[in-house]
């Protein structure tokens, strides 16, 4: 089974390649599931008018389970 550190390194390489401004915040392995949390700052359209402070922090979490059957 892969360690959280190894998953974090692989995820960081992928993120740097495709989404430079995204940071991996956490990588957890829970049973057979990997849960990754990432965060970035976004500036929505009309951010000066509709949202105070302009840029907002966006956090996303995703999980995956690998099931292998021979």
PDB file of N, CA and C in Angstrom:
ATOM      1  N   UNK A   1       0.844  -1.179   0.000  1.00  0.00           N
ATOM      2  CA  UNK A   1       0.000   0.000   0.000  1.00  0.00           C
ATOM      3  C   UNK A   1       0.890   1.243   0.000  1.00  0.00           C
ATOM      4  N   UNK A   2       0.499   2.273  -0.724  1.00  0.00           N
ATOM      5  CA  UNK A   2       1.266   3.513  -0.798  1.00  0.00           C
ATOM      6  C   UNK A   2       1.106   4.319   0.488  1.00  0.00           C
ATOM      7  N   UNK A   3       2.144   5.066   0.823  1.00  0.00           N
ATOM      8  CA  UNK A   3       2.101   5.900   2.027  1.00  0.00           C
ATOM      9  C   UNK A   3       1.539   7.283   1.684  1.00  0.00           C
ATOM     10  N   UNK A   4       1.018   8.020   2.682  1.00  0.00           N
ATOM     11  CA  UNK A   4       0.548   9.379   2.410  1.00  0.00           C
ATOM     12  C   UNK A   4       1.643  10.264   1.820  1.00  0.00           C
ATOM     13  N   UNK A   5       2.881  10.088   2.275  1.00  0.00           N
ATOM     14  CA  UNK A   5       3.992  10.887   1.741  1.00  0.00           C
ATOM     15  C   UNK A   5       4.215  10.651   0.255  1.00  0.00           C
ATOM     16  N   UNK A   6       4.174   9.403  -0.142  1.00  0.00           N
ATOM     17  CA  UNK A   6       4.376   9.071  -1.564  1.00  0.00           C
ATOM     18  C   UNK A   6       3.222   9.596  -2.419  1.00  0.00           C
ATOM     19  N   UNK A   7       2.005   9.499  -1.896  1.00  0.00           N
ATOM     20  CA  UNK A   7       0.840  10.022  -2.613  1.00  0.00           C
ATOM     21  C   UNK A   7       0.932  11.536  -2.723  1.00  0.00           C
ATOM     22  N   UNK A   8       1.376  12.199  -1.635  1.00  0.00           N
ATOM     23  CA  UNK A   8       1.531  13.653  -1.658  1.00  0.00           C
ATOM     24  C   UNK A   8       2.543  14.087  -2.721  1.00  0.00           C
ATOM     25  N   UNK A   9       3.673  13.388  -2.817  1.00  0.00           N
ATOM     26  CA  UNK A   9       4.685  13.726  -3.818  1.00  0.00           C
ATOM     27  C   UNK A   9       4.123  13.554  -5.226  1.00  0.00           C
ATOM     28  N   UNK A  10       3.461  12.441  -5.490  1.00  0.00           N
ATOM     29  CA  UNK A  10       2.873  12.206  -6.818  1.00  0.00           C
ATOM     30  C   UNK A  10       1.810  13.255  -7.137  1.00  0.00           C
ATOM     31  N   UNK A  11       0.970  13.564  -6.154  1.00  0.00           N
ATOM     32  CA  UNK A  11      -0.065  14.580  -6.355  1.00  0.00           C
ATOM     33  C   UNK A  11       0.522  15.954  -6.585  1.00  0.00           C
ATOM     34  N   UNK A  12       1.573  16.303  -5.860  1.00  0.00           N
ATOM     35  CA  UNK A  12       2.219  17.613  -6.029  1.00  0.00           C
ATOM     36  C   UNK A  12       2.813  17.762  -7.428  1.00  0.00           C
ATOM     37  N   UNK A  13       3.430  16.715  -7.924  1.00  0.00           N
ATOM     38  CA  UNK A  13       3.992  16.749  -9.284  1.00  0.00           C
ATOM     39  C   UNK A  13       2.875  16.975 -10.298  1.00  0.00           C
ATOM     40  N   UNK A  14       1.777  16.257 -10.157  1.00  0.00           N
ATOM     41  CA  UNK A  14       0.642  16.404 -11.075  1.00  0.00           C
ATOM     42  C   UNK A  14       0.073  17.821 -11.003  1.00  0.00           C
ATOM     43  N   UNK A  15      -0.125  18.314  -9.783  1.00  0.00           N
ATOM     44  CA  UNK A  15      -0.710  19.644  -9.607  1.00  0.00           C
ATOM     45  C   UNK A  15       0.195  20.715 -10.211  1.00  0.00           C
ATOM     46  N   UNK A  16       1.499  20.647  -9.974  1.00  0.00           N
ATOM     47  CA  UNK A  16       2.424  21.634 -10.548  1.00  0.00           C
ATOM     48  C   UNK A  16       2.391  21.621 -12.070  1.00  0.00           C
ATOM     49  N   UNK A  17       2.169  20.459 -12.636  1.00  0.00           N
ATOM     50  CA  UNK A  17       2.161  20.344 -14.095  1.00  0.00           C
ATOM     51  C   UNK A  17       0.900  20.937 -14.713  1.00  0.00           C
ATOM     52  N   UNK A  18      -0.252  20.762 -14.063  1.00  0.00           N
ATOM     53  CA  UNK A  18      -1.520  21.161 -14.670  1.00  0.00           C
ATOM     54  C   UNK A  18      -2.229  22.325 -13.994  1.00  0.00           C
ATOM     55  N   UNK A  19      -1.913  22.610 -12.755  1.00  0.00           N
ATOM     56  CA  UNK A  19      -2.607  23.679 -12.034  1.00  0.00           C
ATOM     57  C   UNK A  19      -1.624  24.321 -11.048  1.00  0.00           C
ATOM     58  N   UNK A  20      -0.796  25.213 -11.554  1.00  0.00           N
ATOM     59  CA  UNK A  20       0.326  25.755 -10.790  1.00  0.00           C
ATOM     60  C   UNK A  20      -0.079  26.447  -9.489  1.00  0.00           C
ATOM     61  N   UNK A  21      -1.251  27.017  -9.412  1.00  0.00           N
ATOM     62  CA  UNK A  21      -1.624  27.784  -8.230  1.00  0.00           C
ATOM     63  C   UNK A  21      -2.379  26.970  -7.178  1.00  0.00           C
ATOM     64  N   UNK A  22      -2.496  25.672  -7.375  1.00  0.00           N
ATOM     65  CA  UNK A  22      -3.201  24.805  -6.426  1.00  0.00           C
ATOM     66  C   UNK A  22      -2.183  24.198  -5.460  1.00  0.00           C
ATOM     67  N   UNK A  23      -2.533  24.180  -4.159  1.00  0.00           N
ATOM     68  CA  UNK A  23      -1.669  23.561  -3.143  1.00  0.00           C
ATOM     69  C   UNK A  23      -2.376  22.353  -2.549  1.00  0.00           C
ATOM     70  N   UNK A  24      -1.634  21.272  -2.376  1.00  0.00           N
ATOM     71  CA  UNK A  24      -2.189  20.118  -1.672  1.00  0.00           C
ATOM     72  C   UNK A  24      -2.114  20.407  -0.181  1.00  0.00           C
ATOM     73  N   UNK A  25      -3.245  20.351   0.490  1.00  0.00           N
ATOM     74  CA  UNK A  25      -3.305  20.641   1.922  1.00  0.00           C
ATOM     75  C   UNK A  25      -3.160  19.379   2.765  1.00  0.00           C
ATOM     76  N   UNK A  26      -3.765  18.283   2.317  1.00  0.00           N
ATOM     77  CA  UNK A  26      -3.729  17.056   3.116  1.00  0.00           C
ATOM     78  C   UNK A  26      -3.894  15.839   2.225  1.00  0.00           C
ATOM     79  N   UNK A  27      -3.255  14.759   2.632  1.00  0.00           N
ATOM     80  CA  UNK A  27      -3.429  13.447   1.994  1.00  0.00           C
ATOM     81  C   UNK A  27      -3.630  12.451   3.124  1.00  0.00           C
ATOM     82  N   UNK A  28      -4.776  11.756   3.100  1.00  0.00           N
ATOM     83  CA  UNK A  28      -5.065  10.758   4.134  1.00  0.00           C
ATOM     84  C   UNK A  28      -5.380   9.423   3.485  1.00  0.00           C
ATOM     85  N   UNK A  29      -4.949   8.370   4.130  1.00  0.00           N
ATOM     86  CA  UNK A  29      -5.326   7.021   3.713  1.00  0.00           C
ATOM     87  C   UNK A  29      -6.186   6.462   4.833  1.00  0.00           C
ATOM     88  N   UNK A  30      -7.417   6.102   4.489  1.00  0.00           N
ATOM     89  CA  UNK A  30      -8.382   5.614   5.478  1.00  0.00           C
ATOM     90  C   UNK A  30      -8.924   4.298   4.956  1.00  0.00           C
ATOM     91  N   UNK A  31      -8.458   3.213   5.535  1.00  0.00           N
ATOM     92  CA  UNK A  31      -8.836   1.902   5.017  1.00  0.00           C
ATOM     93  C   UNK A  31      -8.245   1.734   3.630  1.00  0.00           C
ATOM     94  N   UNK A  32      -9.068   1.460   2.636  1.00  0.00           N
ATOM     95  CA  UNK A  32      -8.612   1.330   1.261  1.00  0.00           C
ATOM     96  C   UNK A  32      -8.865   2.582   0.443  1.00  0.00           C
ATOM     97  N   UNK A  33      -9.153   3.710   1.111  1.00  0.00           N
ATOM     98  CA  UNK A  33      -9.494   4.945   0.393  1.00  0.00           C
ATOM     99  C   UNK A  33      -8.410   6.002   0.606  1.00  0.00           C
ATOM    100  N   UNK A  34      -8.113   6.734  -0.453  1.00  0.00           N
ATOM    101  CA  UNK A  34      -7.197   7.867  -0.390  1.00  0.00           C
ATOM    102  C   UNK A  34      -8.046   9.129  -0.498  1.00  0.00           C
ATOM    103  N   UNK A  35      -7.852  10.067   0.434  1.00  0.00           N
ATOM    104  CA  UNK A  35      -8.597  11.324   0.436  1.00  0.00           C
ATOM    105  C   UNK A  35      -7.599  12.463   0.322  1.00  0.00           C
ATOM    106  N   UNK A  36      -7.763  13.294  -0.711  1.00  0.00           N
ATOM    107  CA  UNK A  36      -6.853  14.407  -0.984  1.00  0.00           C
ATOM    108  C   UNK A  36      -7.626  15.717  -0.859  1.00  0.00           C
ATOM    109  N   UNK A  37      -7.035  16.685  -0.154  1.00  0.00           N
ATOM    110  CA  UNK A  37      -7.625  18.010  -0.016  1.00  0.00           C
ATOM    111  C   UNK A  37      -6.682  19.021  -0.653  1.00  0.00           C
ATOM    112  N   UNK A  38      -7.224  19.870  -1.545  1.00  0.00           N
ATOM    113  CA  UNK A  38      -6.427  20.882  -2.240  1.00  0.00           C
ATOM    114  C   UNK A  38      -7.060  22.252  -2.045  1.00  0.00           C
ATOM    115  N   UNK A  39      -6.254  23.297  -2.156  1.00  0.00           N
ATOM    116  CA  UNK A  39      -6.747  24.655  -1.929  1.00  0.00           C
ATOM    117  C   UNK A  39      -6.090  25.606  -2.935  1.00  0.00           C
ATOM    118  N   UNK A  40      -6.861  26.609  -3.363  1.00  0.00           N
ATOM    119  CA  UNK A  40      -6.343  27.648  -4.248  1.00  0.00           C
ATOM    120  C   UNK A  40      -7.091  28.949  -3.982  1.00  0.00           C
ATOM    121  N   UNK A  41      -6.583  30.036  -4.487  1.00  0.00           N
ATOM    122  CA  UNK A  41      -7.252  31.331  -4.405  1.00  0.00           C
ATOM    123  C   UNK A  41      -7.819  31.634  -5.787  1.00  0.00           C
ATOM    124  N   UNK A  42      -9.064  32.075  -5.834  1.00  0.00           N
ATOM    125  CA  UNK A  42      -9.712  32.412  -7.096  1.00  0.00           C
ATOM    126  C   UNK A  42     -10.255  33.837  -7.017  1.00  0.00           C
ATOM    127  N   UNK A  43     -10.327  34.479  -8.158  1.00  0.00           N
ATOM    128  CA  UNK A  43     -10.905  35.817  -8.252  1.00  0.00           C
ATOM    129  C   UNK A  43     -12.103  35.721  -9.193  1.00  0.00           C
ATOM    130  N   UNK A  44     -13.305  35.609  -8.625  1.00  0.00           N
ATOM    131  CA  UNK A  44     -14.501  35.478  -9.457  1.00  0.00           C
ATOM    132  C   UNK A  44     -14.759  36.744 -10.280  1.00  0.00           C
ATOM    133  N   UNK A  45     -15.506  36.611 -11.373  1.00  0.00           N
ATOM    134  CA  UNK A  45     -15.881  37.795 -12.147  1.00  0.00           C
ATOM    135  C   UNK A  45     -16.612  38.792 -11.242  1.00  0.00           C
ATOM    136  N   UNK A  46     -16.395  40.053 -11.475  1.00  0.00           N
ATOM    137  CA  UNK A  46     -17.011  41.128 -10.684  1.00  0.00           C
ATOM    138  C   UNK A  46     -16.636  41.035  -9.211  1.00  0.00           C
ATOM    139  N   UNK A  47     -15.452  40.489  -8.901  1.00  0.00           N
ATOM    140  CA  UNK A  47     -15.086  40.244  -7.504  1.00  0.00           C
ATOM    141  C   UNK A  47     -14.992  41.515  -6.675  1.00  0.00           C
ATOM    142  N   UNK A  48     -14.655  42.611  -7.250  1.00  0.00           N
ATOM    143  CA  UNK A  48     -14.598  43.844  -6.493  1.00  0.00           C
ATOM    144  C   UNK A  48     -15.979  44.350  -6.105  1.00  0.00           C
ATOM    145  N   UNK A  49     -16.992  44.038  -6.908  1.00  0.00           N
ATOM    146  CA  UNK A  49     -18.346  44.537  -6.678  1.00  0.00           C
ATOM    147  C   UNK A  49     -19.180  43.592  -5.817  1.00  0.00           C
ATOM    148  N   UNK A  50     -19.080  42.298  -6.094  1.00  0.00           N
ATOM    149  CA  UNK A  50     -19.985  41.345  -5.456  1.00  0.00           C
ATOM    150  C   UNK A  50     -19.410  40.625  -4.239  1.00  0.00           C
ATOM    151  N   UNK A  51     -18.094  40.513  -4.159  1.00  0.00           N
ATOM    152  CA  UNK A  51     -17.497  39.809  -3.029  1.00  0.00           C
ATOM    153  C   UNK A  51     -16.505  40.729  -2.326  1.00  0.00           C
ATOM    154  N   UNK A  52     -16.647  40.905  -1.046  1.00  0.00           N
ATOM    155  CA  UNK A  52     -15.714  41.763  -0.327  1.00  0.00           C
ATOM    156  C   UNK A  52     -14.313  41.153  -0.308  1.00  0.00           C
ATOM    157  N   UNK A  53     -13.327  41.968  -0.525  1.00  0.00           N
ATOM    158  CA  UNK A  53     -11.950  41.486  -0.464  1.00  0.00           C
ATOM    159  C   UNK A  53     -11.428  40.889  -1.752  1.00  0.00           C
ATOM    160  N   UNK A  54     -12.241  40.766  -2.780  1.00  0.00           N
ATOM    161  CA  UNK A  54     -11.762  40.258  -4.068  1.00  0.00           C
ATOM    162  C   UNK A  54     -11.597  38.762  -4.100  1.00  0.00           C
ATOM    163  N   UNK A  55     -10.359  38.268  -3.993  1.00  0.00           N
ATOM    164  CA  UNK A  55     -10.069  36.843  -4.140  1.00  0.00           C
ATOM    165  C   UNK A  55     -10.660  36.033  -2.982  1.00  0.00           C
ATOM    166  N   UNK A  56     -11.097  34.835  -3.284  1.00  0.00           N
ATOM    167  CA  UNK A  56     -11.669  33.917  -2.305  1.00  0.00           C
ATOM    168  C   UNK A  56     -10.868  32.620  -2.312  1.00  0.00           C
ATOM    169  N   UNK A  57     -10.850  31.936  -1.185  1.00  0.00           N
ATOM    170  CA  UNK A  57     -10.175  30.641  -1.097  1.00  0.00           C
ATOM    171  C   UNK A  57     -11.158  29.536  -1.470  1.00  0.00           C
ATOM    172  N   UNK A  58     -10.738  28.656  -2.356  1.00  0.00           N
ATOM    173  CA  UNK A  58     -11.547  27.530  -2.792  1.00  0.00           C
ATOM    174  C   UNK A  58     -10.860  26.250  -2.322  1.00  0.00           C
ATOM    175  N   UNK A  59     -11.582  25.412  -1.598  1.00  0.00           N
ATOM    176  CA  UNK A  59     -11.046  24.147  -1.101  1.00  0.00           C
ATOM    177  C   UNK A  59     -11.843  23.004  -1.717  1.00  0.00           C
ATOM    178  N   UNK A  60     -11.129  22.005  -2.222  1.00  0.00           N
ATOM    179  CA  UNK A  60     -11.779  20.837  -2.824  1.00  0.00           C
ATOM    180  C   UNK A  60     -11.214  19.575  -2.190  1.00  0.00           C
ATOM    181  N   UNK A  61     -12.072  18.584  -2.041  1.00  0.00           N
ATOM    182  CA  UNK A  61     -11.653  17.312  -1.476  1.00  0.00           C
ATOM    183  C   UNK A  61     -12.151  16.192  -2.381  1.00  0.00           C
ATOM    184  N   UNK A  62     -11.286  15.216  -2.618  1.00  0.00           N
ATOM    185  CA  UNK A  62     -11.665  14.083  -3.465  1.00  0.00           C
ATOM    186  C   UNK A  62     -11.140  12.799  -2.838  1.00  0.00           C
ATOM    187  N   UNK A  63     -11.876  11.736  -3.049  1.00  0.00           N
ATOM    188  CA  UNK A  63     -11.464  10.436  -2.541  1.00  0.00           C
ATOM    189  C   UNK A  63     -11.519   9.394  -3.645  1.00  0.00           C
ATOM    190  N   UNK A  64     -10.705   8.381  -3.496  1.00  0.00           N
ATOM    191  CA  UNK A  64     -10.683   7.294  -4.486  1.00  0.00           C
ATOM    192  C   UNK A  64     -10.425   5.979  -3.758  1.00  0.00           C
ATOM    193  N   UNK A  65     -11.029   4.929  -4.273  1.00  0.00           N
ATOM    194  CA  UNK A  65     -10.837   3.598  -3.723  1.00  0.00           C
ATOM    195  C   UNK A  65     -10.398   2.665  -4.844  1.00  0.00           C
ATOM    196  N   UNK A  66      -9.366   1.909  -4.586  1.00  0.00           N
ATOM    197  CA  UNK A  66      -8.903   0.943  -5.569  1.00  0.00           C
ATOM    198  C   UNK A  66      -9.302  -0.448  -5.103  1.00  0.00           C
ATOM    199  N   UNK A  67     -10.060  -1.126  -5.927  1.00  0.00           N
ATOM    200  CA  UNK A  67     -10.445  -2.490  -5.642  1.00  0.00           C
ATOM    201  C   UNK A  67      -9.851  -3.369  -6.729  1.00  0.00           C
ATOM    202  N   UNK A  68      -9.063  -4.323  -6.329  1.00  0.00           N
ATOM    203  CA  UNK A  68      -8.411  -5.213  -7.284  1.00  0.00           C
ATOM    204  C   UNK A  68      -8.906  -6.627  -7.063  1.00  0.00           C
ATOM    205  N   UNK A  69      -9.375  -7.226  -8.158  1.00  0.00           N
ATOM    206  CA  UNK A  69      -9.804  -8.618  -8.098  1.00  0.00           C
ATOM    207  C   UNK A  69      -9.141  -9.376  -9.229  1.00  0.00           C
ATOM    208  N   UNK A  70      -8.363 -10.413  -8.914  1.00  0.00           N
ATOM    209  CA  UNK A  70      -7.699 -11.186  -9.990  1.00  0.00           C
ATOM    210  C   UNK A  70      -8.684 -11.980 -10.827  1.00  0.00           C
TER     211      UNK A  70
END
